[in-house]
Amino acid sequence: MFVRAYLRASTKEQDASRAKSDLLAFAKERGLKIAATYLENESGASLARPELFRLLADCEPGDILLIEQVDRLSRLNAVDWERLKQEIAQRKVKIVALDLQASHQMMTAEEDSFTARMLEAVNGMLLDMLAAIARKDYDDRRRRQMQGIAKAKDEGKYRGRPEDKARNAAIQNMLTSGQSWSTIVSATGCSRSTLSRLARRVADKTGIIPQA
């Protein structure tokens, strides 16, 4: 059995490794070592998480997927949560979360098959409940955010996110030098919609339309 730690944050501005020391200490208290750590900055509301699926691909049956909180694994809608659960179940991976006390026994218990099935059933129900709560929290925050933006627009106060002028100037230089869009996206992490907007700026300034 290997313990594999999964650490996720929603944006690049957040520190995905923040909880690493807590996970290491948690495993050590139970006489176990974390075999590998997988970090990524992706939304928990999306299934597009390469590191999570690399972790699952690396797992053998009985391995532990260790997380700080259930919302690090899922803020998914019901359909995507079912898809992820099926993937985890097919690989026979056990989920242990620091904020889910009932899951801790799965780290150390030498249970018979009946006890193991009971633990899995109980933890499955609790995971479903906490995943649903995490999704509701996500939806509520998004709704409040949109309400705040709508109010600010009505009052003429909304200005949107400040432009990263230094990054955008660098991207425009890369476009001008003829670098491909794929190369620029990989190097800077900008979206293709942002790249398209900056390409139009370059075209307006130089009369040259950068190629995608």
Protein backbone atom coordinates (compact mmCIF):
# COMPACT_ATOMS: atom_id res chain seq x y z
CA MET A 1 0.00 0.00 0.00
CA PHE A 2 1.34 3.42 -1.02
CA VAL A 3 0.11 6.75 0.32
CA ARG A 4 -0.15 9.42 -2.37
CA ALA A 5 -0.84 13.01 -1.31
CA TYR A 6 -2.92 15.28 -3.50
CA LEU A 7 -2.59 19.04 -3.01
CA ARG A 8 -4.73 21.45 -5.01
CA ALA A 9 -5.33 25.20 -5.07
CA SER A 10 -7.72 27.03 -7.36
CA THR A 11 -5.38 29.68 -8.77
CA LYS A 12 -1.68 30.23 -9.39
CA GLU A 13 -1.77 32.97 -6.76
CA GLN A 14 -2.61 30.38 -4.09
CA ASP A 15 -0.06 27.99 -2.59
CA ALA A 16 -1.04 24.43 -3.47
CA SER A 17 1.72 23.05 -1.22
CA ARG A 18 0.44 24.87 1.87
CA ALA A 19 -1.01 21.72 3.52
CA LYS A 20 1.93 19.43 2.68
CA SER A 21 3.43 19.53 6.18
CA ASP A 22 0.06 18.62 7.72
CA LEU A 23 -0.28 15.59 5.43
CA LEU A 24 3.30 14.47 6.14
CA ALA A 25 2.71 14.73 9.88
CA PHE A 26 -0.60 12.88 9.62
CA ALA A 27 1.02 9.96 7.78
CA LYS A 28 4.02 9.89 10.13
CA GLU A 29 1.77 9.62 13.20
CA ARG A 30 0.42 6.40 11.71
CA GLY A 31 3.83 4.97 10.89
CA LEU A 32 3.46 5.59 7.16
CA LYS A 33 5.39 7.59 4.58
CA ILE A 34 3.97 9.53 1.66
CA ALA A 35 5.32 7.85 -1.47
CA ALA A 36 4.55 10.73 -3.82
CA THR A 37 3.02 14.20 -3.77
CA TYR A 38 0.95 15.63 -6.60
CA LEU A 39 0.44 19.41 -6.75
CA GLU A 40 -1.67 21.45 -9.12
CA ASN A 41 -3.46 24.77 -9.43
CA GLU A 42 -6.83 23.95 -10.94
CA SER A 43 -10.44 24.55 -9.99
CA GLY A 44 -12.05 21.86 -7.88
CA ALA A 45 -15.21 22.45 -9.94
CA SER A 46 -13.52 21.02 -13.03
CA LEU A 47 -12.52 17.47 -13.94
CA ALA A 48 -9.67 18.82 -16.07
CA ARG A 49 -6.98 18.10 -13.48
CA PRO A 50 -3.94 16.37 -14.99
CA GLU A 51 -2.12 15.77 -11.71
CA LEU A 52 -5.13 14.12 -10.06
CA PHE A 53 -5.49 11.71 -12.93
CA ARG A 54 -1.73 11.09 -13.02
CA LEU A 55 -1.99 10.16 -9.35
CA LEU A 56 -4.82 7.73 -10.07
CA ALA A 57 -2.91 6.23 -13.00
CA ASP A 58 0.08 5.63 -10.69
CA CYS A 59 -2.06 3.88 -8.06
CA GLU A 60 -2.26 0.17 -7.39
CA PRO A 61 -5.34 -1.41 -5.72
CA GLY A 62 -5.37 -0.55 -2.02
CA ASP A 63 -3.31 2.63 -2.33
CA ILE A 64 -4.35 5.69 -0.32
CA LEU A 65 -5.29 9.02 -1.88
CA LEU A 66 -4.56 11.45 0.96
CA ILE A 67 -6.09 14.94 0.98
CA GLU A 68 -6.39 17.77 3.49
CA GLN A 69 -10.11 18.37 2.90
CA VAL A 70 -12.75 16.79 0.70
CA ASP A 71 -13.13 20.07 -1.22
CA ARG A 72 -9.50 19.68 -2.37
CA LEU A 73 -10.73 16.62 -4.27
CA SER A 74 -14.15 17.82 -5.36
CA ARG A 75 -16.29 20.87 -5.84
CA LEU A 76 -17.73 19.02 -8.82
CA ASN A 77 -21.33 18.90 -9.93
CA ALA A 78 -23.18 15.63 -9.32
CA VAL A 79 -22.49 14.14 -12.76
CA ASP A 80 -18.74 14.83 -12.71
CA TRP A 81 -18.46 13.67 -9.09
CA GLU A 82 -19.98 10.32 -10.10
CA ARG A 83 -17.46 10.04 -12.94
CA LEU A 84 -14.56 10.70 -10.60
CA LYS A 85 -15.89 8.25 -8.00
CA GLN A 86 -16.18 5.55 -10.67
CA GLU A 87 -12.57 6.13 -11.69
CA ILE A 88 -11.44 5.87 -8.07
CA ALA A 89 -13.57 2.78 -7.43
CA GLN A 90 -12.31 1.00 -10.55
CA ARG A 91 -8.74 1.48 -9.37
CA LYS A 92 -9.68 0.35 -5.82
CA VAL A 93 -8.14 3.46 -4.30
CA LYS A 94 -9.02 4.48 -0.74
CA ILE A 95 -9.70 8.16 0.00
CA VAL A 96 -8.50 9.52 3.33
CA ALA A 97 -9.19 13.15 4.24
CA LEU A 98 -7.88 14.95 7.31
CA ASP A 99 -11.30 16.58 7.79
CA LEU A 100 -13.13 13.23 7.55
CA GLN A 101 -12.41 11.45 10.83
CA ALA A 102 -14.20 8.27 9.77
CA SER A 103 -11.74 7.78 6.90
CA HIS A 104 -8.63 7.75 9.11
CA GLN A 105 -9.10 4.09 10.07
CA MET A 106 -8.50 3.12 6.46
CA MET A 107 -4.86 4.15 6.86
CA THR A 108 -4.01 1.55 9.48
CA ALA A 109 -6.88 -0.90 9.96
CA GLU A 110 -6.24 -4.58 9.30
CA GLU A 111 -9.91 -5.39 8.87
CA ASP A 112 -11.71 -8.45 7.58
CA SER A 113 -13.68 -8.22 4.35
CA PHE A 114 -16.96 -7.44 6.11
CA THR A 115 -15.45 -4.61 8.14
CA ALA A 116 -13.68 -3.27 5.06
CA ARG A 117 -16.95 -3.15 3.13
CA MET A 118 -18.70 -1.42 6.01
CA LEU A 119 -15.94 1.20 6.23
CA GLU A 120 -16.11 1.80 2.49
CA ALA A 121 -19.90 2.18 2.60
CA VAL A 122 -19.84 4.63 5.51
CA ASN A 123 -17.00 6.66 4.05
CA GLY A 124 -18.70 6.67 0.65
CA MET A 125 -21.83 8.23 2.12
CA LEU A 126 -19.84 10.79 4.09
CA LEU A 127 -17.76 11.69 1.03
CA ASP A 128 -20.93 12.20 -1.01
CA MET A 129 -22.31 14.49 1.68
CA LEU A 130 -19.13 16.56 2.02
CA ALA A 131 -18.69 16.78 -1.76
CA ALA A 132 -22.27 18.06 -2.07
CA ILE A 133 -21.61 20.66 0.65
CA ALA A 134 -18.40 21.74 -1.09
CA ARG A 135 -20.27 22.15 -4.38
CA LYS A 136 -23.04 24.16 -2.70
CA ASP A 137 -20.43 26.43 -1.11
CA TYR A 138 -18.84 26.91 -4.55
CA ASP A 139 -22.20 27.72 -6.18
CA ASP A 140 -23.15 30.10 -3.36
CA ARG A 141 -19.85 31.99 -3.63
CA ARG A 142 -20.18 32.23 -7.41
CA ARG A 143 -23.73 33.53 -7.09
CA ARG A 144 -22.69 36.17 -4.53
CA GLN A 145 -19.79 37.17 -6.75
CA MET A 146 -22.07 37.63 -9.78
CA GLN A 147 -24.56 39.60 -7.65
CA GLY A 148 -21.73 41.85 -6.45
CA ILE A 149 -20.52 42.42 -10.02
CA ALA A 150 -24.06 43.19 -11.22
CA LYS A 151 -24.53 45.70 -8.39
CA ALA A 152 -21.16 47.34 -9.09
CA LYS A 153 -22.05 47.63 -12.79
CA ASP A 154 -25.40 49.23 -11.94
CA GLU A 155 -23.59 51.76 -9.74
CA GLY A 156 -20.89 52.37 -12.34
CA LYS A 157 -18.16 51.07 -10.03
CA TYR A 158 -17.15 47.83 -11.78
CA ARG A 159 -13.74 47.94 -13.41
CA GLY A 160 -12.99 44.22 -13.79
CA ARG A 161 -9.67 42.57 -13.00
CA PRO A 162 -6.62 44.88 -13.38
CA GLU A 163 -4.60 44.15 -16.50
CA ASP A 164 -1.20 42.54 -16.05
CA LYS A 165 0.56 45.06 -18.28
CA ALA A 166 4.07 43.61 -17.93
CA ARG A 167 2.92 40.09 -18.84
CA ASN A 168 0.80 41.31 -21.74
CA ALA A 169 3.68 43.40 -23.12
CA ALA A 170 5.90 40.31 -23.02
CA ILE A 171 3.24 38.26 -24.81
CA GLN A 172 2.91 40.91 -27.51
CA ASN A 173 6.69 40.81 -28.01
CA MET A 174 6.49 37.04 -28.37
CA LEU A 175 3.73 37.39 -30.95
CA THR A 176 5.71 40.01 -32.85
CA SER A 177 8.75 37.72 -32.91
CA GLY A 178 6.67 35.03 -34.60
CA GLN A 179 6.37 32.50 -31.77
CA SER A 180 3.44 30.11 -32.06
CA TRP A 181 0.33 30.47 -29.94
CA SER A 182 0.86 27.03 -28.42
CA THR A 183 4.38 27.98 -27.34
CA ILE A 184 3.15 31.23 -25.79
CA VAL A 185 0.29 29.52 -23.93
CA SER A 186 2.69 26.89 -22.54
CA ALA A 187 5.23 29.51 -21.50
CA THR A 188 2.87 32.07 -19.94
CA GLY A 189 -0.25 30.15 -18.95
CA CYS A 190 -2.49 32.76 -20.58
CA SER A 191 -5.79 31.70 -22.15
CA ARG A 192 -6.29 31.60 -25.90
CA SER A 193 -9.00 34.27 -25.59
CA THR A 194 -6.46 36.61 -23.96
CA LEU A 195 -3.92 35.70 -26.63
CA SER A 196 -6.47 36.50 -29.34
CA ARG A 197 -7.14 39.93 -27.80
CA LEU A 198 -3.42 40.70 -27.60
CA ALA A 199 -2.90 39.49 -31.18
CA ARG A 200 -5.48 42.07 -32.30
CA ARG A 201 -3.48 44.76 -30.47
CA VAL A 202 -0.34 43.69 -32.31
CA ALA A 203 -2.23 43.79 -35.61
CA ASP A 204 -3.55 47.30 -34.87
CA LYS A 205 -0.03 48.56 -34.06
CA THR A 206 1.97 46.83 -36.80
CA GLY A 207 -0.54 45.87 -39.45
CA ILE A 208 0.74 42.29 -39.15
CA ILE A 209 -1.69 39.62 -38.02
CA PRO A 210 0.14 37.07 -35.81
CA GLN A 211 -0.51 33.49 -36.89
CA ALA A 212 -2.13 31.06 -34.45
